[in-house]
N, C-alpha and C. Protein backbone atom coordinates (compact mmCIF):
# COMPACT_ATOMS: atom_id res chain seq x y z
N MET A 1 72.73 95.03 17.27
CA MET A 1 71.62 93.84 18.18
C MET A 1 72.84 94.04 19.44
N LEU A 2 72.47 93.79 20.53
CA LEU A 2 72.72 93.95 21.58
C LEU A 2 72.42 92.00 21.95
N CYS A 3 74.17 91.14 22.36
CA CYS A 3 73.84 90.03 22.57
C CYS A 3 74.24 89.98 24.24
N PHE A 4 73.20 89.70 24.86
CA PHE A 4 73.15 89.35 26.36
C PHE A 4 73.81 87.97 26.68
N LEU A 5 75.01 87.63 27.30
CA LEU A 5 75.26 86.61 27.62
C LEU A 5 75.15 85.72 29.13
N ARG A 6 74.72 84.87 29.00
CA ARG A 6 74.27 84.26 30.59
C ARG A 6 74.88 83.70 31.01
N PRO A 7 75.58 83.05 31.68
CA PRO A 7 76.24 81.78 31.83
C PRO A 7 75.44 81.40 32.64
N THR A 8 75.50 79.67 32.50
CA THR A 8 74.63 78.45 33.61
C THR A 8 75.64 78.51 35.18
N GLY A 9 76.16 78.40 35.15
CA GLY A 9 77.13 78.11 36.16
C GLY A 9 77.95 76.65 36.12
N THR A 10 78.04 76.39 34.71
CA THR A 10 78.56 74.80 34.51
C THR A 10 78.60 74.75 33.23
N TRP A 11 79.76 74.59 32.68
CA TRP A 11 80.30 74.27 31.28
C TRP A 11 81.31 73.59 30.92
N VAL A 12 80.72 72.76 29.72
CA VAL A 12 81.96 71.66 29.63
C VAL A 12 82.79 71.96 28.80
N ALA A 13 84.39 71.82 29.34
CA ALA A 13 85.49 71.60 27.74
C ALA A 13 86.83 70.44 28.13
N GLY A 14 87.08 70.41 27.17
CA GLY A 14 88.20 69.29 27.24
C GLY A 14 87.54 67.91 27.60
N GLY A 15 86.57 67.88 27.29
CA GLY A 15 85.80 66.38 28.23
C GLY A 15 85.19 66.66 28.87
N GLY A 16 85.68 67.17 29.99
CA GLY A 16 85.03 67.10 31.23
C GLY A 16 83.99 68.46 31.76
N THR A 17 83.69 67.90 32.67
CA THR A 17 82.72 69.27 33.31
C THR A 17 83.34 69.94 34.41
N GLU A 18 84.11 71.53 34.24
CA GLU A 18 84.34 72.75 34.97
C GLU A 18 83.28 73.49 35.79
N ARG A 19 83.27 73.59 36.62
CA ARG A 19 83.07 74.59 37.25
C ARG A 19 83.62 75.73 37.80
N TRP A 20 82.84 77.32 37.87
CA TRP A 20 83.56 77.95 38.21
C TRP A 20 82.93 78.77 38.92
N GLY A 21 83.53 79.98 39.87
CA GLY A 21 82.39 80.29 40.87
C GLY A 21 81.41 81.49 40.48
N SER A 22 81.61 82.66 41.04
CA SER A 22 80.77 83.36 40.51
C SER A 22 80.94 84.19 39.25
N VAL A 23 80.00 84.25 38.51
CA VAL A 23 79.84 84.95 36.84
C VAL A 23 78.89 86.41 36.59
N ALA A 24 79.68 86.43 36.13
CA ALA A 24 78.76 87.96 35.45
C ALA A 24 78.39 88.04 34.05
N ASN A 25 77.25 88.72 33.64
CA ASN A 25 76.74 88.84 32.79
C ASN A 25 77.66 89.87 31.88
N VAL A 26 77.51 90.07 30.54
CA VAL A 26 78.65 90.19 29.79
C VAL A 26 77.72 90.60 28.59
N THR A 27 77.72 92.29 28.17
CA THR A 27 76.71 92.29 27.04
C THR A 27 77.56 93.24 26.13
N LEU A 28 77.24 92.62 24.36
CA LEU A 28 78.50 92.77 23.43
C LEU A 28 77.46 93.59 22.67
N ALA A 29 78.28 94.19 21.93
CA ALA A 29 77.30 94.59 20.75
C ALA A 29 77.97 94.29 19.47
N LEU A 30 77.30 93.33 18.89
CA LEU A 30 78.25 92.87 17.71
C LEU A 30 76.70 93.07 16.41
N GLU A 31 76.95 92.80 15.13
CA GLU A 31 76.49 92.93 14.06
C GLU A 31 75.66 91.73 14.02
N ASP A 32 74.27 92.09 13.47
CA ASP A 32 73.58 90.79 13.03
C ASP A 32 73.97 89.82 12.00
N ALA A 33 74.63 89.97 11.52
CA ALA A 33 75.10 89.24 10.41
C ALA A 33 76.26 88.17 11.06
N LEU A 34 77.07 88.74 11.91
CA LEU A 34 78.17 88.28 12.66
C LEU A 34 77.52 87.17 13.60
N LEU A 35 76.72 87.86 14.36
CA LEU A 35 76.23 86.97 15.36
C LEU A 35 75.06 85.83 14.70
N ARG A 36 74.59 85.78 13.57
CA ARG A 36 73.70 85.01 12.98
C ARG A 36 75.07 83.89 12.37
N GLN A 37 76.07 84.41 12.09
CA GLN A 37 77.06 83.30 11.55
C GLN A 37 77.86 82.36 12.70
N ALA A 38 78.04 82.95 13.79
CA ALA A 38 78.58 82.72 15.25
C ALA A 38 77.45 81.50 15.70
N ARG A 39 76.24 81.97 15.76
CA ARG A 39 75.43 80.80 16.18
C ARG A 39 75.39 79.41 15.01
N VAL A 40 75.21 80.05 13.92
CA VAL A 40 75.33 78.80 13.00
C VAL A 40 76.47 78.03 13.03
N LYS A 41 77.52 78.65 13.19
CA LYS A 41 78.95 77.60 13.22
C LYS A 41 79.09 77.16 14.64
N ALA A 42 78.21 77.94 15.85
CA ALA A 42 78.50 76.94 17.08
C ALA A 42 77.65 76.27 17.12
N VAL A 43 76.26 75.77 16.67
CA VAL A 43 75.42 74.55 16.43
C VAL A 43 76.26 73.41 15.48
N HIS A 44 77.22 73.65 14.70
CA HIS A 44 77.38 73.05 13.78
C HIS A 44 78.72 72.54 14.66
N GLU A 45 79.35 73.06 15.45
CA GLU A 45 80.20 72.71 16.22
C GLU A 45 80.00 72.20 17.45
N ASN A 46 78.59 72.19 17.74
CA ASN A 46 77.91 71.44 18.99
C ASN A 46 78.79 72.26 19.99
N THR A 47 78.77 73.42 20.04
CA THR A 47 78.88 74.29 21.29
C THR A 47 77.63 75.33 21.18
N SER A 48 78.18 76.73 22.00
CA SER A 48 77.37 77.81 21.81
C SER A 48 78.39 79.24 21.83
N VAL A 49 77.63 80.13 21.27
CA VAL A 49 78.65 81.52 21.28
C VAL A 49 79.48 82.01 22.34
N ASN A 50 78.43 81.77 23.45
CA ASN A 50 79.09 82.08 24.99
C ASN A 50 80.02 81.25 24.92
N ALA A 51 80.22 80.22 25.10
CA ALA A 51 81.05 79.07 25.67
C ALA A 51 82.34 78.85 24.70
N VAL A 52 82.00 79.54 23.26
CA VAL A 52 83.24 80.06 22.08
C VAL A 52 84.04 81.10 22.74
N ILE A 53 83.15 82.23 23.11
CA ILE A 53 83.57 83.47 23.72
C ILE A 53 84.40 83.18 25.24
N ARG A 54 83.98 82.55 26.40
CA ARG A 54 84.38 82.37 26.95
C ARG A 54 85.54 81.86 26.84
N GLU A 55 85.65 80.46 25.97
CA GLU A 55 86.94 80.35 25.93
C GLU A 55 88.02 80.90 24.96
N PHE A 56 87.77 81.74 24.48
CA PHE A 56 88.74 82.73 23.85
C PHE A 56 89.01 83.43 24.77
N LEU A 57 88.35 84.15 25.40
CA LEU A 57 88.80 84.99 26.51
C LEU A 57 89.96 84.26 27.06
N THR A 58 89.50 82.83 27.94
CA THR A 58 90.12 82.23 28.57
C THR A 58 91.79 82.26 28.22
N GLN A 59 91.62 81.67 27.31
CA GLN A 59 93.24 82.09 26.76
C GLN A 59 93.57 82.45 26.49
N TRP A 60 92.99 83.42 26.35
CA TRP A 60 93.68 85.18 25.96
C TRP A 60 94.56 85.68 26.92
N VAL A 61 93.53 85.56 28.57
CA VAL A 61 94.18 86.05 29.68
C VAL A 61 95.13 85.19 29.84
N ARG A 62 95.20 83.95 29.54
CA ARG A 62 96.69 82.81 30.21
C ARG A 62 97.36 82.98 29.10
N ARG A 63 97.41 83.49 28.13
CA ARG A 63 98.40 83.45 27.30
C ARG A 63 100.10 84.33 27.45
N ASP A 64 99.77 85.54 28.51
CA ASP A 64 101.11 86.01 29.32
C ASP A 64 101.33 85.07 30.12
N ASP A 65 100.90 84.21 31.23
CA ASP A 65 101.09 83.39 32.00
C ASP A 65 101.93 82.50 31.93
N GLU A 66 101.21 81.89 30.42
CA GLU A 66 101.63 80.80 29.81
C GLU A 66 103.47 80.80 29.39
N ARG A 67 103.69 82.15 28.75
CA ARG A 67 104.52 82.70 27.94
C ARG A 67 105.51 82.92 29.16
N ALA A 68 105.65 83.52 30.54
CA ALA A 68 106.06 83.99 31.04
C ALA A 68 106.86 82.58 31.97
N ALA A 69 105.97 81.20 32.18
CA ALA A 69 106.25 80.40 32.71
C ALA A 69 107.26 79.59 31.39
N ALA A 70 106.86 79.89 30.76
CA ALA A 70 107.70 78.79 29.55
C ALA A 70 109.43 79.77 29.45
N VAL A 71 109.54 80.75 29.50
CA VAL A 71 110.67 81.29 29.71
C VAL A 71 111.32 81.25 31.05
N GLU A 72 110.21 81.26 32.10
CA GLU A 72 110.81 81.00 33.22
C GLU A 72 111.52 79.16 33.34
N ARG A 73 111.35 78.42 32.40
CA ARG A 73 111.57 76.85 32.71
C ARG A 73 113.21 76.83 31.70
N VAL A 74 113.10 78.06 30.82
CA VAL A 74 113.73 77.70 29.76
C VAL A 74 115.43 78.53 30.52
N ARG A 75 114.98 79.52 31.67
CA ARG A 75 116.11 79.97 32.07
C ARG A 75 116.45 79.09 33.11
N ALA A 76 115.78 78.22 33.97
CA ALA A 76 115.61 77.35 34.96
C ALA A 76 116.81 76.54 34.53
N ALA A 77 116.45 75.92 32.98
CA ALA A 77 117.32 74.94 32.41
C ALA A 77 118.69 75.13 31.91
N LEU A 78 118.89 76.39 31.45
CA LEU A 78 120.19 76.52 31.09
C LEU A 78 121.10 77.01 32.35
N ASP A 79 120.21 77.70 33.86
CA ASP A 79 120.87 77.40 34.85
C ASP A 79 121.39 76.09 35.45
N ALA A 80 120.52 75.06 35.47
CA ALA A 80 120.51 74.28 35.57
C ALA A 80 121.97 73.19 34.72
N SER A 81 122.03 73.61 33.78
CA SER A 81 123.34 73.17 32.44
C SER A 81 124.47 73.12 32.86
N GLU A 82 125.43 72.12 32.96
CA GLU A 82 126.72 72.02 32.82
C GLU A 82 127.57 72.56 32.01
N TYR A 83 127.18 73.41 30.98
CA TYR A 83 127.85 73.18 30.44
C TYR A 83 128.25 74.86 30.49
N ARG A 84 129.40 75.01 29.64
CA ARG A 84 130.04 76.33 30.47
C ARG A 84 131.07 77.06 29.09
N SER A 85 131.08 77.96 28.44
CA SER A 85 132.41 78.42 27.49
C SER A 85 133.76 77.94 27.67
N GLY A 86 133.81 78.37 29.34
CA GLY A 86 135.29 78.41 29.42
C GLY A 86 136.34 79.78 29.56
N GLY A 87 135.01 80.54 29.52
CA GLY A 87 135.34 81.97 28.81
C GLY A 87 136.07 82.35 27.55
N VAL A 88 135.73 81.47 26.52
CA VAL A 88 135.86 81.88 25.40
C VAL A 88 135.40 82.61 24.75
N THR A 89 135.27 83.87 23.92
CA THR A 89 134.78 84.50 23.36
C THR A 89 135.17 84.89 22.02
N TRP A 90 134.05 84.82 21.33
CA TRP A 90 134.19 84.74 20.02
C TRP A 90 134.15 86.49 19.24
N SER A 91 134.67 87.21 18.13
CA SER A 91 134.34 88.28 17.31
C SER A 91 133.33 87.66 16.66
N ARG A 92 132.55 89.17 15.81
CA ARG A 92 131.78 88.66 15.03
C ARG A 92 132.56 88.15 13.48
N ASP A 93 133.60 89.07 13.51
CA ASP A 93 134.33 88.11 12.32
C ASP A 93 135.13 86.36 12.46
N ASP A 94 135.27 86.37 13.37
CA ASP A 94 135.55 84.81 13.96
C ASP A 94 134.29 84.41 13.68
N LEU A 95 133.07 84.53 13.67
CA LEU A 95 131.96 83.77 13.80
C LEU A 95 131.51 83.29 12.42
N HIS A 96 132.34 84.60 11.59
CA HIS A 96 131.48 84.83 10.20
C HIS A 96 132.79 84.24 9.06
N GLU A 97 133.79 84.11 9.37
CA GLU A 97 135.32 83.52 8.55
C GLU A 97 134.70 82.22 8.23
N ARG A 98 134.65 82.03 6.87
CA ARG A 98 135.06 81.05 5.99
C ARG A 98 136.17 80.54 5.48
């Protein structure tokens, strides 16, 4: 079965209404049973299959950007830290000495 997703121009996410600019229609090829199950689940969660797919794609695309930003925050915190080892280094044997 082909499923045509036709965004309306506005959607609700996180308790507020968000608007997005131009939208494109996407055609998905889904098994009938999967689409039926998704529609039932969406109704129970007071949403739509379209909204679920849009949210998934949004999170999927942003994941790499968020990960890169988190790494940059950690690096900045390390750079700003005043802790220094004073040039002391340890060998593997020193670290595992009992």
